[in-house]
Amino acid sequence: MAKDGLTRSACLIAVVGTAAVAVIGFSTWRYEVSLSRSAVALSERTDVTATVALAAAFWQERQAIDSYIAAPKPAVLRAVTAQHDRFQRLAAQLGPASRGADARSRTQAVAAQAHYYSVFTQVSGAAE
């Protein structure tokens, strides 16, 4: 009788141990999934913040360019250059685009800004 009780206890311990290992394995797997998703979310949040700053830098550069064309002064030209440099730094800080359309849009925006600035540099001599 005592041997039957030991066998039953051993089986119960084996079942509970197996269940505990399964729960720990499942919890670990879900934790890893959660960490992965949080890393993606943080990366995208950082990209959103940088994109907003990038748009602000573009519009501030454009405003400085308009001011320089209206009244060419060295201080305003330095402001244009500073905003252009800021735009370039922010564009470089953006992580790689995860989707094809994102990458294409970003490339087009940076190219358009570069063209805009190059046109300004070409005509800025006429404003002086």
C-alpha atoms as a PDB file:
ATOM      1  CA  MET A   1       0.000   0.000   0.000  1.00  0.00           C
ATOM      2  CA  ALA A   2       2.819   2.380   0.878  1.00  0.00           C
ATOM      3  CA  LYS A   3       4.469   1.624  -2.441  1.00  0.00           C
ATOM      4  CA  ASP A   4       1.245   2.521  -4.287  1.00  0.00           C
ATOM      5  CA  GLY A   5       1.166   5.880  -2.437  1.00  0.00           C
ATOM      6  CA  LEU A   6       4.797   6.586  -3.405  1.00  0.00           C
ATOM      7  CA  THR A   7       4.078   5.803  -7.045  1.00  0.00           C
ATOM      8  CA  ARG A   8       1.063   8.092  -7.003  1.00  0.00           C
ATOM      9  CA  SER A   9       3.112  10.875  -5.316  1.00  0.00           C
ATOM     10  CA  ALA A  10       5.919  10.465  -7.847  1.00  0.00           C
ATOM     11  CA  CYS A  11       3.447  10.714 -10.740  1.00  0.00           C
ATOM     12  CA  LEU A  12       1.823  13.765  -9.182  1.00  0.00           C
ATOM     13  CA  ILE A  13       5.226  15.426  -8.699  1.00  0.00           C
ATOM     14  CA  ALA A  14       6.147  14.613 -12.315  1.00  0.00           C
ATOM     15  CA  VAL A  15       2.880  16.076 -13.633  1.00  0.00           C
ATOM     16  CA  VAL A  16       3.141  19.218 -11.510  1.00  0.00           C
ATOM     17  CA  GLY A  17       6.822  19.638 -12.458  1.00  0.00           C
ATOM     18  CA  THR A  18       6.036  19.256 -16.138  1.00  0.00           C
ATOM     19  CA  ALA A  19       3.198  21.760 -15.843  1.00  0.00           C
ATOM     20  CA  ALA A  20       5.488  24.222 -14.037  1.00  0.00           C
ATOM     21  CA  VAL A  21       8.157  23.902 -16.733  1.00  0.00           C
ATOM     22  CA  ALA A  22       5.497  24.401 -19.435  1.00  0.00           C
ATOM     23  CA  VAL A  23       4.141  27.532 -17.717  1.00  0.00           C
ATOM     24  CA  ILE A  24       7.662  28.943 -17.288  1.00  0.00           C
ATOM     25  CA  GLY A  25       8.466  28.209 -20.945  1.00  0.00           C
ATOM     26  CA  PHE A  26       5.227  29.815 -22.145  1.00  0.00           C
ATOM     27  CA  SER A  27       5.778  32.864 -19.921  1.00  0.00           C
ATOM     28  CA  THR A  28       9.338  33.254 -21.171  1.00  0.00           C
ATOM     29  CA  TRP A  29       8.195  33.033 -24.788  1.00  0.00           C
ATOM     30  CA  ARG A  30       5.472  35.678 -24.260  1.00  0.00           C
ATOM     31  CA  TYR A  31       7.968  37.901 -22.449  1.00  0.00           C
ATOM     32  CA  GLU A  32      10.365  37.698 -25.410  1.00  0.00           C
ATOM     33  CA  VAL A  33       7.530  38.539 -27.814  1.00  0.00           C
ATOM     34  CA  SER A  34       6.559  41.483 -25.629  1.00  0.00           C
ATOM     35  CA  LEU A  35      10.141  42.773 -25.523  1.00  0.00           C
ATOM     36  CA  SER A  36      10.412  42.504 -29.284  1.00  0.00           C
ATOM     37  CA  ARG A  37       7.199  44.439 -29.825  1.00  0.00           C
ATOM     38  CA  SER A  38       8.192  47.116 -27.327  1.00  0.00           C
ATOM     39  CA  ALA A  39      11.524  47.577 -29.116  1.00  0.00           C
ATOM     40  CA  VAL A  40       9.687  48.089 -32.411  1.00  0.00           C
ATOM     41  CA  ALA A  41       7.266  50.542 -30.791  1.00  0.00           C
ATOM     42  CA  LEU A  42      10.098  52.538 -29.223  1.00  0.00           C
ATOM     43  CA  SER A  43      11.955  52.643 -32.527  1.00  0.00           C
ATOM     44  CA  GLU A  44       8.883  53.891 -34.366  1.00  0.00           C
ATOM     45  CA  ARG A  45       8.211  56.479 -31.671  1.00  0.00           C
ATOM     46  CA  THR A  46      11.758  57.755 -32.025  1.00  0.00           C
ATOM     47  CA  ASP A  47      11.269  57.941 -35.806  1.00  0.00           C
ATOM     48  CA  VAL A  48       8.024  59.896 -35.351  1.00  0.00           C
ATOM     49  CA  THR A  49       9.738  62.384 -33.040  1.00  0.00           C
ATOM     50  CA  ALA A  50      12.636  62.778 -35.473  1.00  0.00           C
ATOM     51  CA  THR A  51      10.221  63.167 -38.403  1.00  0.00           C
ATOM     52  CA  VAL A  52       8.334  65.963 -36.637  1.00  0.00           C
ATOM     53  CA  ALA A  53      11.632  67.687 -35.853  1.00  0.00           C
ATOM     54  CA  LEU A  54      12.680  67.182 -39.484  1.00  0.00           C
ATOM     55  CA  ALA A  55       9.524  68.896 -40.745  1.00  0.00           C
ATOM     56  CA  ALA A  56      10.062  71.765 -38.312  1.00  0.00           C
ATOM     57  CA  ALA A  57      13.668  72.148 -39.468  1.00  0.00           C
ATOM     58  CA  PHE A  58      12.546  72.275 -43.094  1.00  0.00           C
ATOM     59  CA  TRP A  59       9.948  74.974 -42.429  1.00  0.00           C
ATOM     60  CA  GLN A  60      12.361  76.997 -40.309  1.00  0.00           C
ATOM     61  CA  GLU A  61      14.940  76.748 -43.089  1.00  0.00           C
ATOM     62  CA  ARG A  62      12.338  77.857 -45.607  1.00  0.00           C
ATOM     63  CA  GLN A  63      11.358  80.793 -43.416  1.00  0.00           C
ATOM     64  CA  ALA A  64      15.025  81.784 -43.061  1.00  0.00           C
ATOM     65  CA  ILE A  65      15.460  81.539 -46.850  1.00  0.00           C
ATOM     66  CA  ASP A  66      12.424  83.764 -47.390  1.00  0.00           C
ATOM     67  CA  SER A  67      13.850  86.270 -44.891  1.00  0.00           C
ATOM     68  CA  TYR A  68      17.237  86.196 -46.604  1.00  0.00           C
ATOM     69  CA  ILE A  69      15.739  86.777 -50.043  1.00  0.00           C
ATOM     70  CA  ALA A  70      13.699  89.692 -48.675  1.00  0.00           C
ATOM     71  CA  ALA A  71      16.649  91.254 -46.825  1.00  0.00           C
ATOM     72  CA  PRO A  72      20.031  89.576 -47.455  1.00  0.00           C
ATOM     73  CA  LYS A  73      22.095  89.746 -44.278  1.00  0.00           C
ATOM     74  CA  PRO A  74      24.975  87.534 -43.162  1.00  0.00           C
ATOM     75  CA  ALA A  75      23.203  86.633 -39.899  1.00  0.00           C
ATOM     76  CA  VAL A  76      20.162  85.390 -41.801  1.00  0.00           C
ATOM     77  CA  LEU A  77      22.386  83.404 -44.162  1.00  0.00           C
ATOM     78  CA  ARG A  78      23.994  81.771 -41.110  1.00  0.00           C
ATOM     79  CA  ALA A  79      20.501  80.889 -39.866  1.00  0.00           C
ATOM     80  CA  VAL A  80      19.718  79.278 -43.226  1.00  0.00           C
ATOM     81  CA  THR A  81      22.919  77.257 -43.062  1.00  0.00           C
ATOM     82  CA  ALA A  82      22.242  76.235 -39.455  1.00  0.00           C
ATOM     83  CA  GLN A  83      18.733  75.037 -40.312  1.00  0.00           C
ATOM     84  CA  HIS A  84      20.042  73.175 -43.353  1.00  0.00           C
ATOM     85  CA  ASP A  85      22.662  71.451 -41.203  1.00  0.00           C
ATOM     86  CA  ARG A  86      20.001  70.608 -38.612  1.00  0.00           C
ATOM     87  CA  PHE A  87      17.818  69.061 -41.309  1.00  0.00           C
ATOM     88  CA  GLN A  88      20.735  66.960 -42.544  1.00  0.00           C
ATOM     89  CA  ARG A  89      21.539  65.725 -39.013  1.00  0.00           C
ATOM     90  CA  LEU A  90      17.920  64.816 -38.307  1.00  0.00           C
ATOM     91  CA  ALA A  91      17.560  63.000 -41.633  1.00  0.00           C
ATOM     92  CA  ALA A  92      20.647  60.959 -40.799  1.00  0.00           C
ATOM     93  CA  GLN A  93      19.255  60.103 -37.337  1.00  0.00           C
ATOM     94  CA  LEU A  94      16.163  58.428 -38.717  1.00  0.00           C
ATOM     95  CA  GLY A  95      16.359  54.666 -38.569  1.00  0.00           C
ATOM     96  CA  PRO A  96      16.024  52.598 -41.694  1.00  0.00           C
ATOM     97  CA  ALA A  97      12.496  52.659 -43.065  1.00  0.00           C
ATOM     98  CA  SER A  98      10.730  49.387 -42.416  1.00  0.00           C
ATOM     99  CA  ARG A  99       8.324  49.600 -45.338  1.00  0.00           C
ATOM    100  CA  GLY A 100       8.948  50.263 -49.023  1.00  0.00           C
ATOM    101  CA  ALA A 101       6.599  53.248 -49.175  1.00  0.00           C
ATOM    102  CA  ASP A 102       8.230  54.787 -46.100  1.00  0.00           C
ATOM    103  CA  ALA A 103      11.689  54.468 -47.588  1.00  0.00           C
ATOM    104  CA  ARG A 104      10.527  55.913 -50.905  1.00  0.00           C
ATOM    105  CA  SER A 105       8.751  58.861 -49.245  1.00  0.00           C
ATOM    106  CA  ARG A 106      11.745  59.640 -47.063  1.00  0.00           C
ATOM    107  CA  THR A 107      14.120  59.512 -50.010  1.00  0.00           C
ATOM    108  CA  GLN A 108      11.860  61.805 -52.029  1.00  0.00           C
ATOM    109  CA  ALA A 109      11.520  64.289 -49.153  1.00  0.00           C
ATOM    110  CA  VAL A 110      15.263  64.478 -48.522  1.00  0.00           C
ATOM    111  CA  ALA A 111      15.958  64.813 -52.261  1.00  0.00           C
ATOM    112  CA  ALA A 112      13.352  67.561 -52.618  1.00  0.00           C
ATOM    113  CA  GLN A 113      14.840  69.454 -49.683  1.00  0.00           C
ATOM    114  CA  ALA A 114      18.332  69.106 -51.169  1.00  0.00           C
ATOM    115  CA  HIS A 115      17.032  70.468 -54.499  1.00  0.00           C
ATOM    116  CA  TYR A 116      15.296  73.346 -52.716  1.00  0.00           C
ATOM    117  CA  TYR A 117      18.509  74.248 -50.898  1.00  0.00           C
ATOM    118  CA  SER A 118      20.617  73.960 -54.059  1.00  0.00           C
ATOM    119  CA  VAL A 119      18.259  76.333 -55.899  1.00  0.00           C
ATOM    120  CA  PHE A 120      18.592  78.757 -52.992  1.00  0.00           C
ATOM    121  CA  THR A 121      22.382  78.598 -53.109  1.00  0.00           C
ATOM    122  CA  GLN A 122      22.283  79.271 -56.848  1.00  0.00           C
ATOM    123  CA  VAL A 123      20.009  82.311 -56.565  1.00  0.00           C
ATOM    124  CA  SER A 124      21.273  83.638 -53.228  1.00  0.00           C
ATOM    125  CA  GLY A 125      23.979  85.594 -55.010  1.00  0.00           C
ATOM    126  CA  ALA A 126      21.261  87.468 -56.905  1.00  0.00           C
ATOM    127  CA  ALA A 127      19.619  88.476 -53.633  1.00  0.00           C
ATOM    128  CA  GLU A 128      22.727  90.277 -52.375  1.00  0.00           C
END
